[in-house]
N, C-alpha and C. Protein backbone atom coordinates (compact mmCIF):
# COMPACT_ATOMS: atom_id res chain seq x y z
N UNK A 1 -89.11 132.79 32.04
CA UNK A 1 -88.38 131.62 31.36
C UNK A 1 -88.79 131.32 29.85
N UNK A 2 -87.81 131.08 29.07
CA UNK A 2 -88.14 131.02 27.65
C UNK A 2 -88.66 129.51 27.38
N UNK A 3 -89.44 129.43 26.23
CA UNK A 3 -90.00 128.17 25.91
C UNK A 3 -88.91 127.67 24.78
N UNK A 4 -88.51 126.27 25.04
CA UNK A 4 -87.75 125.59 24.13
C UNK A 4 -88.20 124.42 23.56
N UNK A 5 -87.74 123.99 22.50
CA UNK A 5 -88.28 122.71 21.90
C UNK A 5 -87.74 121.42 22.47
N UNK A 6 -88.21 120.48 22.28
CA UNK A 6 -87.49 119.16 22.57
C UNK A 6 -86.24 118.85 21.75
N UNK A 7 -86.26 119.39 20.58
CA UNK A 7 -85.13 118.98 19.58
C UNK A 7 -83.81 119.88 20.18
N UNK A 8 -84.23 121.07 20.81
CA UNK A 8 -83.13 121.78 21.06
C UNK A 8 -82.48 121.36 22.50
N UNK A 9 -83.48 120.86 23.33
CA UNK A 9 -83.19 120.39 24.73
C UNK A 9 -82.21 118.99 24.40
N UNK A 10 -82.60 118.20 23.42
CA UNK A 10 -81.94 116.96 23.07
C UNK A 10 -80.58 117.45 22.49
N UNK A 11 -80.59 118.42 21.72
CA UNK A 11 -79.09 118.88 21.11
C UNK A 11 -78.31 119.35 22.31
N UNK A 12 -78.80 120.00 23.23
CA UNK A 12 -77.90 120.46 24.37
C UNK A 12 -77.46 119.37 25.24
N UNK A 13 -78.21 118.43 25.45
CA UNK A 13 -78.05 117.29 26.31
C UNK A 13 -76.98 116.46 25.51
N UNK A 14 -76.99 116.21 24.03
CA UNK A 14 -76.14 115.33 23.39
C UNK A 14 -74.76 116.17 23.42
N UNK A 15 -74.70 117.50 23.37
CA UNK A 15 -73.56 118.34 23.21
C UNK A 15 -72.75 118.12 24.52
N UNK A 16 -73.38 118.13 25.62
CA UNK A 16 -72.82 117.97 27.02
C UNK A 16 -72.59 116.70 27.39
N UNK A 17 -72.74 115.57 26.66
CA UNK A 17 -72.50 114.29 27.09
C UNK A 17 -73.46 113.79 28.25
N UNK A 18 -74.53 114.45 28.36
CA UNK A 18 -75.50 113.95 29.49
C UNK A 18 -76.34 112.80 29.00
N UNK A 19 -76.83 111.98 29.84
CA UNK A 19 -77.75 110.87 29.63
C UNK A 19 -79.00 110.94 30.53
N UNK A 20 -80.38 110.89 29.93
CA UNK A 20 -81.45 111.10 30.66
C UNK A 20 -81.60 109.77 31.52
N UNK A 21 -82.36 110.19 32.63
CA UNK A 21 -82.59 109.12 33.44
C UNK A 21 -84.03 108.35 33.08
N UNK A 22 -84.59 109.04 32.35
CA UNK A 22 -85.74 108.45 31.70
C UNK A 22 -85.47 107.82 30.44
N UNK A 23 -86.06 106.59 30.38
CA UNK A 23 -85.81 105.75 29.13
C UNK A 23 -87.10 105.15 28.72
N UNK A 24 -87.25 105.16 27.28
CA UNK A 24 -88.37 104.57 26.75
C UNK A 24 -88.20 103.01 26.47
N UNK A 25 -89.10 102.25 26.72
CA UNK A 25 -88.87 100.76 26.42
C UNK A 25 -88.90 100.66 24.78
N UNK A 26 -87.84 99.98 24.55
CA UNK A 26 -87.65 99.80 23.00
C UNK A 26 -88.20 98.33 22.50
N UNK A 27 -88.59 98.33 21.39
CA UNK A 27 -89.40 97.27 20.93
C UNK A 27 -88.21 96.03 20.45
N UNK A 28 -88.45 94.90 20.93
CA UNK A 28 -87.57 93.85 20.65
C UNK A 28 -88.25 92.79 19.69
N UNK A 29 -87.37 92.66 18.74
CA UNK A 29 -87.93 91.70 17.65
C UNK A 29 -87.77 90.34 18.17
N UNK A 30 -88.82 89.49 18.10
CA UNK A 30 -88.88 88.19 18.59
C UNK A 30 -88.50 87.23 17.41
N UNK A 31 -87.71 86.07 17.79
CA UNK A 31 -87.18 85.33 16.78
C UNK A 31 -88.30 84.51 16.13
N UNK A 32 -89.05 83.84 17.00
CA UNK A 32 -90.29 83.02 16.37
C UNK A 32 -91.48 83.30 17.03
N UNK A 33 -92.44 83.78 16.29
CA UNK A 33 -93.78 83.98 16.74
C UNK A 33 -94.74 82.91 16.73
N UNK A 34 -95.52 82.64 17.59
CA UNK A 34 -96.55 81.56 17.41
C UNK A 34 -97.40 81.61 16.36
N UNK A 35 -97.71 82.90 16.00
CA UNK A 35 -98.72 83.00 14.90
C UNK A 35 -98.16 82.86 13.54
N UNK A 36 -96.78 82.63 13.41
CA UNK A 36 -96.19 82.43 12.35
C UNK A 36 -95.52 80.99 12.20
N UNK A 37 -95.90 80.07 13.15
CA UNK A 37 -95.35 78.75 13.09
C UNK A 37 -95.75 77.96 11.94
N UNK A 38 -94.76 77.08 11.73
CA UNK A 38 -95.03 76.32 10.40
C UNK A 38 -96.17 75.10 10.57
N UNK A 39 -96.81 75.05 11.66
CA UNK A 39 -97.76 74.05 11.90
C UNK A 39 -98.92 74.27 11.03
N UNK A 40 -99.48 73.25 10.28
CA UNK A 40 -100.45 73.48 9.30
C UNK A 40 -101.91 73.43 10.04
N UNK A 41 -102.83 73.55 9.43
CA UNK A 41 -104.17 73.36 9.92
C UNK A 41 -104.84 72.06 9.33
N UNK A 42 -104.68 70.98 10.06
CA UNK A 42 -104.96 69.55 9.44
C UNK A 42 -106.42 69.35 9.30
N UNK A 43 -107.39 70.00 10.07
CA UNK A 43 -108.75 69.83 10.07
C UNK A 43 -109.26 70.94 10.94
N UNK A 44 -110.66 71.00 10.98
CA UNK A 44 -111.41 71.80 11.79
C UNK A 44 -112.68 71.40 12.09
N UNK A 45 -112.60 70.66 13.02
CA UNK A 45 -114.05 69.86 13.48
C UNK A 45 -114.73 70.64 14.51
N UNK A 46 -115.94 70.68 14.92
CA UNK A 46 -116.53 71.49 15.89
C UNK A 46 -117.25 70.38 16.95
N UNK A 47 -116.51 69.61 17.51
CA UNK A 47 -116.88 68.44 18.31
C UNK A 47 -117.35 69.15 19.67
N UNK A 48 -116.78 70.15 20.05
CA UNK A 48 -116.85 70.99 21.26
C UNK A 48 -116.77 70.06 22.49
N UNK A 49 -116.01 69.08 22.40
CA UNK A 49 -115.98 68.05 23.55
C UNK A 49 -114.84 68.48 24.34
N UNK A 50 -115.13 68.75 25.69
CA UNK A 50 -114.07 68.87 26.65
C UNK A 50 -113.54 67.68 27.38
N UNK A 51 -112.27 67.20 26.92
CA UNK A 51 -111.77 66.01 27.58
C UNK A 51 -110.77 66.22 28.58
N UNK A 52 -110.40 67.46 28.79
CA UNK A 52 -109.41 67.86 30.10
C UNK A 52 -109.66 69.54 30.29
N UNK A 53 -109.28 69.72 31.47
CA UNK A 53 -109.46 71.19 31.96
C UNK A 53 -108.43 71.43 33.02
N UNK A 54 -108.30 72.65 33.29
CA UNK A 54 -107.41 73.10 34.28
C UNK A 54 -107.78 74.71 34.55
N UNK A 55 -107.48 75.19 35.68
CA UNK A 55 -107.70 76.49 36.01
C UNK A 55 -106.30 77.14 36.61
N UNK A 56 -106.21 78.38 36.60
CA UNK A 56 -104.91 79.02 37.25
C UNK A 56 -105.04 80.42 36.97
N UNK A 57 -104.12 81.06 37.73
CA UNK A 57 -104.01 82.70 37.66
C UNK A 57 -103.37 83.02 36.32
N UNK A 58 -102.45 82.20 35.57
CA UNK A 58 -101.77 82.60 34.43
C UNK A 58 -102.04 81.75 33.25
N UNK A 59 -102.32 82.14 32.16
CA UNK A 59 -102.57 81.39 30.87
C UNK A 59 -101.22 81.00 30.37
N UNK A 60 -100.45 79.75 30.55
CA UNK A 60 -99.27 79.40 30.31
C UNK A 60 -99.35 77.92 29.76
N UNK A 61 -98.01 77.45 29.58
CA UNK A 61 -97.79 76.09 29.15
C UNK A 61 -98.07 75.23 30.26
N UNK A 62 -97.88 75.41 31.49
CA UNK A 62 -98.08 74.58 32.75
C UNK A 62 -99.44 74.52 32.84
N UNK A 63 -100.46 75.32 32.55
CA UNK A 63 -101.74 75.35 32.62
C UNK A 63 -102.21 74.20 31.60
N UNK A 64 -101.93 74.30 30.39
CA UNK A 64 -102.06 73.37 29.50
C UNK A 64 -101.72 71.95 29.61
N UNK A 65 -100.50 71.77 30.20
CA UNK A 65 -100.10 70.57 30.74
C UNK A 65 -100.94 69.86 31.74
N UNK A 66 -101.43 70.72 32.74
CA UNK A 66 -102.32 70.35 33.85
C UNK A 66 -103.66 69.74 33.30
N UNK A 67 -104.09 70.35 32.00
CA UNK A 67 -105.27 70.03 31.52
C UNK A 67 -105.19 68.70 30.90
N UNK A 68 -104.04 68.47 30.44
CA UNK A 68 -103.61 67.03 29.79
C UNK A 68 -103.77 66.01 30.89
N UNK A 69 -103.21 66.27 32.08
CA UNK A 69 -103.09 65.41 33.10
C UNK A 69 -104.50 64.97 33.61
N UNK A 70 -105.52 65.80 33.43
CA UNK A 70 -107.01 65.58 33.90
C UNK A 70 -107.74 64.71 32.85
N UNK A 71 -107.33 64.33 31.61
CA UNK A 71 -107.96 63.60 30.63
C UNK A 71 -108.39 62.16 31.12
N UNK A 72 -109.45 61.94 31.10
CA UNK A 72 -110.10 60.50 31.38
C UNK A 72 -109.57 59.68 30.35
N UNK A 73 -108.78 58.45 30.52
CA UNK A 73 -108.47 57.65 29.43
C UNK A 73 -107.01 57.70 29.26
N UNK A 74 -106.61 57.09 28.17
CA UNK A 74 -105.28 57.11 27.76
C UNK A 74 -104.99 58.13 26.91
N UNK A 75 -103.81 58.90 26.97
CA UNK A 75 -103.36 59.94 26.21
C UNK A 75 -103.07 59.36 24.68
N UNK A 76 -102.59 57.92 24.69
CA UNK A 76 -102.36 57.34 23.50
C UNK A 76 -103.69 57.18 22.52
N UNK A 77 -104.81 57.41 22.92
CA UNK A 77 -105.83 57.44 22.15
C UNK A 77 -106.17 58.61 21.54
N UNK A 78 -105.46 59.83 21.95
CA UNK A 78 -105.57 61.20 21.29
C UNK A 78 -104.73 61.15 19.90
N UNK A 79 -105.27 61.54 18.86
CA UNK A 79 -104.64 61.50 17.70
C UNK A 79 -104.18 62.87 17.28
N UNK A 80 -104.97 63.90 17.67
CA UNK A 80 -104.81 65.33 17.34
C UNK A 80 -104.84 66.29 18.32
N UNK A 81 -104.18 67.24 18.26
CA UNK A 81 -104.33 68.38 19.43
C UNK A 81 -104.51 69.63 18.59
N UNK A 82 -105.65 70.14 18.62
CA UNK A 82 -106.07 71.29 17.60
C UNK A 82 -106.34 72.46 18.52
N UNK A 83 -105.59 73.58 18.30
CA UNK A 83 -105.69 74.76 19.23
C UNK A 83 -105.51 75.97 18.32
N UNK A 84 -105.64 77.22 19.05
CA UNK A 84 -105.42 78.32 18.28
C UNK A 84 -103.89 78.48 18.25
N UNK A 85 -103.38 79.55 18.06
CA UNK A 85 -102.00 79.86 17.90
C UNK A 85 -101.34 80.77 19.17
N UNK A 86 -101.91 80.42 20.08
CA UNK A 86 -101.44 81.12 21.44
C UNK A 86 -100.04 80.64 21.82
N UNK A 87 -99.43 81.53 22.41
CA UNK A 87 -98.02 81.14 22.81
C UNK A 87 -97.90 80.03 23.97
N UNK A 88 -99.04 79.82 24.73
CA UNK A 88 -98.98 78.87 25.73
C UNK A 88 -98.83 77.39 25.03
N UNK A 89 -99.49 77.33 23.90
CA UNK A 89 -99.23 76.05 23.07
C UNK A 89 -98.05 75.73 22.33
N UNK A 90 -97.27 76.90 22.12
CA UNK A 90 -96.03 76.73 21.22
C UNK A 90 -94.92 76.79 22.45
N UNK A 91 -94.54 75.60 23.26
CA UNK A 91 -93.70 75.38 24.06
C UNK A 91 -92.97 74.17 24.42
N UNK A 92 -91.87 74.13 24.63
CA UNK A 92 -91.16 72.71 24.87
C UNK A 92 -91.86 71.94 25.62
N UNK A 93 -92.39 72.18 26.78
CA UNK A 93 -93.10 71.41 27.75
C UNK A 93 -94.40 70.62 27.03
N UNK A 94 -95.11 71.47 26.12
CA UNK A 94 -96.16 70.98 25.26
C UNK A 94 -95.63 70.07 24.11
N UNK A 95 -94.53 70.53 23.62
CA UNK A 95 -93.99 69.67 22.37
C UNK A 95 -93.61 68.25 22.94
N UNK A 96 -92.83 68.44 24.04
CA UNK A 96 -92.43 67.00 24.61
C UNK A 96 -93.68 66.13 25.03
N UNK A 97 -94.74 66.75 25.49
CA UNK A 97 -95.87 65.79 25.88
C UNK A 97 -96.48 65.17 24.65
N UNK A 98 -96.63 66.21 23.55
CA UNK A 98 -97.23 65.70 22.32
C UNK A 98 -96.32 64.68 21.73
N UNK A 99 -95.00 64.81 21.58
CA UNK A 99 -94.24 63.90 21.13
C UNK A 99 -94.25 62.44 21.99
N UNK A 100 -94.38 62.39 23.10
CA UNK A 100 -94.26 61.27 24.05
C UNK A 100 -95.51 60.39 23.69
N UNK A 101 -96.56 60.97 23.49
CA UNK A 101 -97.91 60.24 23.25
C UNK A 101 -98.15 60.14 21.75
N UNK A 102 -97.22 60.74 20.82
CA UNK A 102 -97.54 60.53 19.50
C UNK A 102 -98.72 61.27 19.15
N UNK A 103 -99.05 62.44 19.52
CA UNK A 103 -100.16 63.30 19.13
C UNK A 103 -99.73 64.31 18.20
N UNK A 104 -100.40 64.34 17.11
CA UNK A 104 -100.14 65.40 16.15
C UNK A 104 -100.73 66.56 16.47
N UNK A 105 -100.07 67.79 15.84
CA UNK A 105 -100.45 69.22 16.30
C UNK A 105 -101.19 69.71 14.89
N UNK A 106 -102.32 70.48 15.33
CA UNK A 106 -102.84 71.46 14.32
C UNK A 106 -103.37 72.85 14.81
N UNK A 107 -102.95 73.90 14.17
CA UNK A 107 -103.18 75.19 14.73
C UNK A 107 -104.27 75.81 13.82
N UNK A 108 -105.10 76.58 14.23
CA UNK A 108 -106.15 77.36 13.59
C UNK A 108 -105.65 78.67 13.09
N UNK A 109 -106.26 79.24 12.25
CA UNK A 109 -105.81 80.59 12.00
C UNK A 109 -106.50 81.57 12.92
């Protein structure tokens, strides 16, 4: 059996109009990335105070939303929500919650 290159095999497949059953996943360009969001860094305090928490199998916006629900006291007393630029924080659910309680957003680098 002769040894042939991938290029020759590809050319033969193309000439005969064949399609491979094997496909490679193609890179998709995402419209907006959370690391490139236009939200500024408003401050960087190191209070290290936990005011809400939640745990779950997946790190997503619902988990962050549940953490807000465990906050003792009024959410209207919170003035700033400072996080990293994870995609779980850049979500319509979190945006709606922050807007409802008039909480400003700040993202770290």
